[in-house]
Protein backbone atom coordinates (compact mmCIF):
# COMPACT_ATOMS: atom_id res chain seq x y z
CA VAL A 1 84.80 7.35 14.32
CA GLU A 2 83.19 4.17 15.69
CA ARG A 3 82.05 6.00 18.80
CA SER A 4 80.68 8.84 16.69
CA LEU A 5 78.84 6.40 14.45
CA GLN A 6 77.44 4.56 17.47
CA THR A 7 76.27 7.81 18.98
CA LEU A 8 74.72 8.80 15.64
CA ARG A 9 72.93 5.44 15.47
CA TRP A 10 71.43 5.91 18.95
CA LEU A 11 70.54 9.47 18.11
CA LEU A 12 68.78 8.43 14.91
CA ALA A 13 66.98 5.57 16.70
CA ALA A 14 65.85 7.89 19.49
CA THR A 15 64.77 10.52 16.99
CA TRP A 16 62.85 7.89 15.00
CA ALA A 17 61.16 6.53 18.14
CA ILE A 18 60.22 9.99 19.38
CA SER A 19 58.94 10.94 15.92
CA MET A 20 56.82 7.76 15.66
CA LEU A 21 55.36 8.25 19.14
CA THR A 22 54.63 11.88 18.36
CA CYS A 23 53.00 10.98 15.03
CA ALA A 24 51.00 8.19 16.70
CA GLY A 25 49.80 10.60 19.37
CA ILE A 26 48.83 13.21 16.81
CA MET A 27 47.07 10.63 14.64
CA HIS A 28 45.21 9.26 17.67
CA TRP A 29 44.06 12.76 18.60
CA LEU A 30 43.03 13.53 15.01
CA VAL A 31 41.11 10.26 14.66
CA ARG A 32 39.30 10.73 17.94
CA ARG A 33 38.46 14.27 16.99
CA GLY A 34 37.29 13.19 13.56
CA LEU A 35 35.19 10.34 14.95
CA SER A 36 33.68 12.33 17.81
CA PRO A 37 30.66 13.31 15.65
CA LEU A 38 30.08 9.62 14.98
CA ASP A 39 30.22 8.96 18.69
CA LYS A 40 27.60 11.68 19.22
CA LEU A 41 25.51 10.16 16.44
CA SER A 42 25.86 6.73 18.03
CA ARG A 43 24.57 8.08 21.35
CA GLN A 44 21.62 9.72 19.58
CA ILE A 45 20.77 6.44 17.82
CA ARG A 46 21.13 4.48 21.07
CA THR A 47 18.59 6.70 22.84
CA PHE A 48 16.22 6.75 19.86
CA ASP A 49 12.88 4.90 20.13
CA GLN A 50 9.36 4.99 18.67
CA ASP A 51 8.30 7.72 21.10
CA ARG A 52 10.85 10.12 19.59
CA LEU A 53 9.99 9.79 15.91
CA ASP A 54 9.39 13.53 15.74
CA THR A 55 13.05 14.28 16.51
CA TRP A 56 15.92 14.62 14.03
CA PHE A 57 19.53 13.56 14.13
CA GLU A 58 21.89 16.53 14.31
CA LEU A 59 25.69 16.79 14.15
CA PRO A 60 26.63 20.46 14.39
CA GLY A 61 30.15 21.13 13.20
CA ALA A 62 30.49 17.73 11.53
CA SER A 63 32.55 17.36 8.37
CA GLU A 64 30.96 17.50 4.95
CA GLU A 65 31.53 13.77 4.51
CA LEU A 66 29.12 13.01 7.38
CA GLU A 67 26.30 15.27 6.20
CA PRO A 68 24.94 12.71 3.68
CA VAL A 69 24.84 10.09 6.47
CA VAL A 70 22.80 12.40 8.70
CA ARG A 71 20.44 13.28 5.83
CA GLN A 72 19.87 9.63 4.98
CA LEU A 73 19.22 8.77 8.63
CA ASN A 74 16.71 11.59 8.94
CA GLY A 75 15.05 10.47 5.72
CA PHE A 76 14.88 6.92 7.05
CA VAL A 77 13.28 8.14 10.29
CA ASP A 78 10.83 10.20 8.28
CA ARG A 79 9.76 7.10 6.34
CA ILE A 80 9.40 5.14 9.58
CA ARG A 81 7.25 7.93 11.03
CA GLU A 82 5.04 7.91 7.93
CA ALA A 83 4.67 4.13 8.20
CA PHE A 84 3.69 4.43 11.88
CA ASP A 85 1.20 7.17 11.02
CA ARG A 86 -0.32 5.00 8.29
CA GLU A 87 -0.58 2.04 10.66
CA HIS A 88 -2.18 4.18 13.36
CA ALA A 89 -4.63 5.66 10.86
CA PHE A 90 -5.40 2.19 9.50
CA THR A 91 -6.08 0.88 13.00
CA ALA A 92 -8.31 3.84 13.83
CA HIS A 93 -10.27 3.47 10.59
CA ALA A 94 -10.62 -0.27 11.06
CA ALA A 95 -11.90 0.24 14.60
CA HIS A 96 -14.43 2.76 13.31
CA GLU A 97 -15.59 0.42 10.54
CA PHE A 98 -16.10 -2.40 13.05
CA ARG A 99 -17.67 -0.21 15.73
CA THR A 100 -20.58 1.02 13.60
CA PRO A 101 -22.00 -2.37 12.50
CA LEU A 102 -21.31 -3.89 15.94
CA ALA A 103 -23.25 -1.06 17.55
CA GLY A 104 -26.12 -1.72 15.13
CA LEU A 105 -26.00 -5.43 15.89
CA ARG A 106 -26.02 -4.83 19.63
CA SER A 107 -28.86 -2.30 19.50
CA THR A 108 -30.95 -4.62 17.31
CA LEU A 109 -30.49 -7.48 19.77
CA GLU A 110 -31.17 -5.28 22.80
CA VAL A 111 -34.39 -3.94 21.30
CA SER A 112 -35.45 -7.45 20.30
CA LEU A 113 -34.84 -8.76 23.82
CA SER A 114 -36.34 -5.77 25.63
CA LYS A 115 -39.80 -7.37 25.62
CA THR A 116 -41.71 -10.38 24.38
CA ARG A 117 -42.50 -10.12 20.67
CA ASP A 118 -44.31 -12.17 18.08
CA ALA A 119 -42.55 -14.47 15.61
CA ASP A 120 -42.57 -11.98 12.72
CA GLU A 121 -40.83 -9.29 14.79
CA TYR A 122 -38.19 -11.78 15.93
CA LYS A 123 -37.66 -12.88 12.33
CA GLU A 124 -37.25 -9.26 11.21
CA ALA A 125 -34.63 -8.67 13.92
CA GLU A 126 -32.81 -11.86 12.96
CA GLN A 127 -32.72 -10.80 9.31
CA ALA A 128 -31.29 -7.41 10.30
CA CYS A 129 -28.63 -9.11 12.43
CA LEU A 130 -27.80 -11.51 9.58
CA LYS A 131 -27.33 -8.59 7.19
CA ILE A 132 -24.99 -6.81 9.61
CA THR A 133 -23.05 -10.03 10.22
CA THR A 134 -22.64 -10.54 6.48
CA GLN A 135 -21.27 -7.04 6.16
CA LEU A 136 -18.81 -7.68 9.00
CA GLN A 137 -17.69 -10.95 7.40
CA ARG A 138 -17.07 -9.20 4.08
CA LEU A 139 -15.09 -6.45 5.79
CA ILE A 140 -12.92 -9.00 7.63
CA GLU A 141 -12.34 -10.96 4.42
CA ARG A 142 -11.20 -7.82 2.62
CA LEU A 143 -8.85 -6.91 5.45
CA LEU A 144 -7.34 -10.39 5.27
CA GLU A 145 -6.98 -10.10 1.50
CA LEU A 146 -5.24 -6.76 1.91
CA ALA A 147 -2.84 -8.23 4.48
CA ARG A 148 -2.04 -11.19 2.21
CA ALA A 149 -1.48 -8.91 -0.79
CA GLN A 150 0.99 -6.79 1.19
CA ALA A 151 2.87 -9.80 2.61
CA PRO A 152 6.55 -9.93 1.51
CA ASP A 153 6.24 -13.60 0.47
CA ALA A 154 3.12 -13.13 -1.68
CA GLN A 155 3.37 -15.42 -4.71
CA ARG A 156 1.56 -15.47 -8.04
CA ARG A 157 0.61 -18.11 -10.57
CA HIS A 158 1.02 -18.09 -14.35
CA ASP A 159 -2.31 -19.03 -15.95
CA GLU A 160 -3.40 -18.60 -19.54
CA ILE A 161 -6.57 -16.50 -19.40
CA SER A 162 -9.23 -15.52 -21.89
CA LEU A 163 -9.75 -11.90 -20.92
CA ASN A 164 -13.32 -11.85 -22.29
CA GLN A 165 -14.30 -14.83 -20.17
CA LEU A 166 -12.66 -13.37 -17.08
CA PHE A 167 -14.49 -10.06 -17.57
CA ASP A 168 -17.81 -11.90 -17.83
CA GLU A 169 -17.13 -13.77 -14.59
CA ALA A 170 -16.08 -10.61 -12.76
CA TRP A 171 -19.04 -8.57 -14.03
CA LEU A 172 -21.77 -11.15 -13.32
CA PRO A 173 -22.20 -10.39 -9.56
CA PHE A 174 -22.82 -6.69 -10.28
CA SER A 175 -24.74 -6.85 -13.56
CA ASP A 176 -28.20 -6.82 -11.95
CA ALA A 177 -27.43 -3.82 -9.73
CA ALA A 178 -25.94 -1.99 -12.71
CA ALA A 179 -29.01 -2.78 -14.84
CA GLU A 180 -31.27 -1.32 -12.15
CA LYS A 181 -29.29 1.94 -12.33
CA GLY A 182 -29.40 1.93 -16.13
CA ILE A 183 -25.63 1.52 -16.48
CA ALA A 184 -24.79 0.18 -19.92
CA LEU A 185 -21.71 -2.02 -20.24
CA ILE A 186 -19.72 -1.40 -23.44
CA PRO A 187 -16.98 -4.04 -23.81
CA GLU A 188 -14.22 -3.33 -26.32
CA ILE A 189 -12.05 -6.41 -25.87
CA PRO A 190 -10.65 -8.53 -28.71
CA HIS A 191 -12.24 -11.99 -28.58
CA ALA A 192 -8.95 -13.77 -29.13
CA LEU A 193 -7.06 -11.87 -26.43
CA ILE A 194 -5.22 -14.38 -24.21
CA ILE A 195 -2.87 -13.24 -21.45
CA THR A 196 -0.70 -15.07 -18.94
CA THR A 197 -0.95 -14.01 -15.30
CA ASP A 198 -2.44 -15.10 -11.97
CA ARG A 199 -6.11 -15.70 -12.74
CA GLN A 200 -7.40 -15.44 -9.16
CA LEU A 201 -5.57 -12.19 -8.36
CA LEU A 202 -6.55 -10.51 -11.62
CA ARG A 203 -10.15 -11.56 -11.12
CA ARG A 204 -10.19 -9.99 -7.65
CA VAL A 205 -8.78 -6.78 -9.13
CA LEU A 206 -11.43 -6.72 -11.86
CA GLU A 207 -14.20 -7.50 -9.37
CA ASN A 208 -13.18 -4.58 -7.17
CA VAL A 209 -12.85 -2.18 -10.12
CA LEU A 210 -16.19 -3.23 -11.64
CA GLU A 211 -17.95 -3.16 -8.27
CA ASN A 212 -16.67 0.35 -7.70
CA ALA A 213 -17.89 1.39 -11.15
CA ALA A 214 -21.29 -0.26 -10.79
CA THR A 215 -21.82 1.27 -7.35
CA TYR A 216 -20.69 4.85 -7.87
CA ALA A 217 -21.24 5.50 -11.60
CA ASP A 218 -23.98 7.97 -12.47
CA ASP A 219 -27.37 6.48 -13.31
CA HIS A 220 -28.04 5.83 -16.99
CA SER A 221 -24.37 6.27 -17.93
CA PRO A 222 -22.03 4.06 -19.99
CA LEU A 223 -19.35 1.83 -18.53
CA THR A 224 -16.60 1.15 -21.06
CA LEU A 225 -14.09 -1.68 -20.87
CA ARG A 226 -11.05 -1.69 -23.16
CA ALA A 227 -8.11 -4.04 -23.36
CA THR A 228 -5.04 -3.95 -25.57
CA THR A 229 -1.81 -5.89 -25.57
CA GLY A 230 1.64 -5.17 -26.94
CA PRO A 231 5.36 -5.68 -26.35
CA ASP A 232 5.20 -3.69 -23.10
CA GLY A 233 2.37 -5.81 -21.68
CA THR A 234 -1.42 -5.67 -21.39
CA ARG A 235 -3.39 -2.49 -20.74
CA ILE A 236 -6.94 -2.68 -19.35
CA GLU A 237 -9.10 0.44 -18.99
CA CYS A 238 -12.41 0.81 -17.17
CA THR A 239 -14.12 4.18 -17.72
CA ASN A 240 -17.37 5.34 -16.15
CA GLN A 241 -19.13 8.64 -15.62
CA THR A 242 -19.02 10.04 -12.08
CA LYS A 243 -19.57 13.68 -11.23
CA GLY A 244 -17.74 15.57 -8.51
CA LEU A 245 -14.37 13.82 -8.61
CA THR A 246 -11.16 15.84 -8.77
CA PRO A 247 -7.53 15.01 -9.70
CA GLU A 248 -6.75 14.95 -5.98
CA THR A 249 -8.87 11.80 -5.83
CA ALA A 250 -6.12 9.82 -7.52
CA GLN A 251 -3.69 10.68 -4.71
CA GLU A 252 -6.02 9.55 -1.93
CA ALA A 253 -8.12 6.76 -3.43
CA PHE A 254 -5.59 4.00 -2.75
CA ARG A 255 -5.53 4.66 0.99
CA PRO A 256 -7.45 1.99 2.95
CA PHE A 257 -10.87 3.18 4.17
CA TRP A 258 -10.73 6.33 2.02
CA ARG A 259 -14.00 7.51 0.49
CA GLY A 260 -14.37 10.29 -2.02
CA ASP A 261 -17.40 11.99 -0.46
CA SER A 262 -19.99 11.69 2.24
CA SER A 263 -22.30 9.69 -0.01
CA ARG A 264 -19.80 6.83 0.21
CA SER A 265 -20.33 6.38 3.90
CA SER A 266 -22.00 2.99 4.01
CA THR A 267 -20.14 0.73 6.37
CA GLY A 268 -19.28 -2.91 5.80
CA MET A 269 -20.34 -3.33 2.16
CA HIS A 270 -18.25 -0.41 0.91
CA ALA A 271 -15.52 0.29 3.43
CA GLY A 272 -13.13 2.03 1.05
CA LEU A 273 -10.90 -1.03 0.68
CA GLY A 274 -11.51 -1.90 -2.97
CA LEU A 275 -8.85 0.25 -4.62
CA ALA A 276 -6.37 -0.41 -1.81
CA LEU A 277 -6.83 -4.13 -2.51
CA CYS A 278 -6.38 -3.53 -6.24
CA LYS A 279 -3.10 -1.72 -5.65
CA GLY A 280 -1.78 -4.53 -3.44
CA PHE A 281 -2.82 -7.25 -5.90
CA MET A 282 -1.36 -5.39 -8.89
CA GLU A 283 1.98 -5.07 -7.10
CA VAL A 284 1.99 -8.84 -6.57
CA LEU A 285 1.26 -9.28 -10.28
CA GLY A 286 4.22 -7.05 -11.10
CA GLY A 287 1.99 -4.37 -12.64
CA GLN A 288 0.42 -1.12 -11.58
CA ILE A 289 -2.96 0.61 -11.34
CA THR A 290 -3.58 4.29 -12.01
CA LEU A 291 -6.61 6.57 -11.73
CA ASP A 292 -7.51 9.46 -13.98
CA PRO A 293 -10.57 11.48 -12.87
CA LYS A 294 -11.19 14.09 -15.56
CA ASP A 295 -14.24 15.88 -16.98
CA ASP A 296 -16.73 13.78 -14.99
CA GLN A 297 -15.01 10.64 -16.26
CA PHE A 298 -13.37 8.21 -13.86
CA LYS A 299 -10.85 5.98 -15.64
CA VAL A 300 -9.04 3.12 -13.96
CA THR A 301 -6.07 1.73 -15.89
CA LEU A 302 -4.43 -1.61 -15.18
CA HIS A 303 -1.04 -2.30 -16.71
CA LEU A 304 0.20 -5.88 -16.61
CA PRO A 305 3.80 -6.66 -17.62
CA PRO A 306 4.59 -9.10 -20.44
CA ALA A 307 4.44 -12.72 -19.38
CA LYS A 308 7.81 -14.24 -18.52
CA PRO A 309 8.57 -17.60 -20.14
CA ALA A 310 8.27 -20.52 -17.81
CA LYS A 311 11.38 -22.45 -16.81
CA GLY A 312 12.33 -24.99 -19.43
CA ASP A 313 10.80 -23.03 -22.32
CA ALA A 314 13.02 -22.33 -25.28
């Protein structure tokens, strides 16, 4: 009996060992087979670079559990490709915007230096060069503002602002040009309206919106400003009359250097950066800006969130 039990013990131990080794081998083979698509995906990711943004990750025969991973990776690559395309387009547009005034500046100087001229001709050339230089400076300043607005660490202040006073300050630089075109400003803003936000950023937004309206609104048309406030925040509307705009304008107008038509082709002073700046500044302010071109009316709406109480307030 003892010998039989001993033999049975060795038999059971051997059977257990063989079974465990067999199970381990099978599990190893199953795991390797199951992870082989991930190994293929890893090799695809390892060989992926910015020159292959037009390719897609593929795992033929992969399990259903891995399909969402592949879809998300392809979606991520698609967003990277769009970002690269936007950066390339931005660089190309910026180069074009700089090239035109620089070419004008160079040609003006070359013509001025081509022969001896009297003092009045030199003064005229200097004035032309100064005008071009001013345009270049304004373009560079707007590009820097756009870069700061899109910076991840952009911060904002919390100032108490009289909206009427801020509108007056923002409108003053463009009031004379608007008066020459016969554009009538119609403010509909409560006198006691006080909001809390970053004064400098909101002023830059209003300046860009009002400059756009004063520049491109039809002659002898009204320009209406409305402002309301409520539990969901402050809503500011600027409406002017502009013919020829379509709903597709709202989808393109926030792209840097975009212009709605060929008449908006002046370089330097109006480089198509105003609304792109507004969008960046409004994001820093925690709000949003929307456009609504409809029936020859171009309405820009700014929505500012309710002011958050400062630290230490009850």
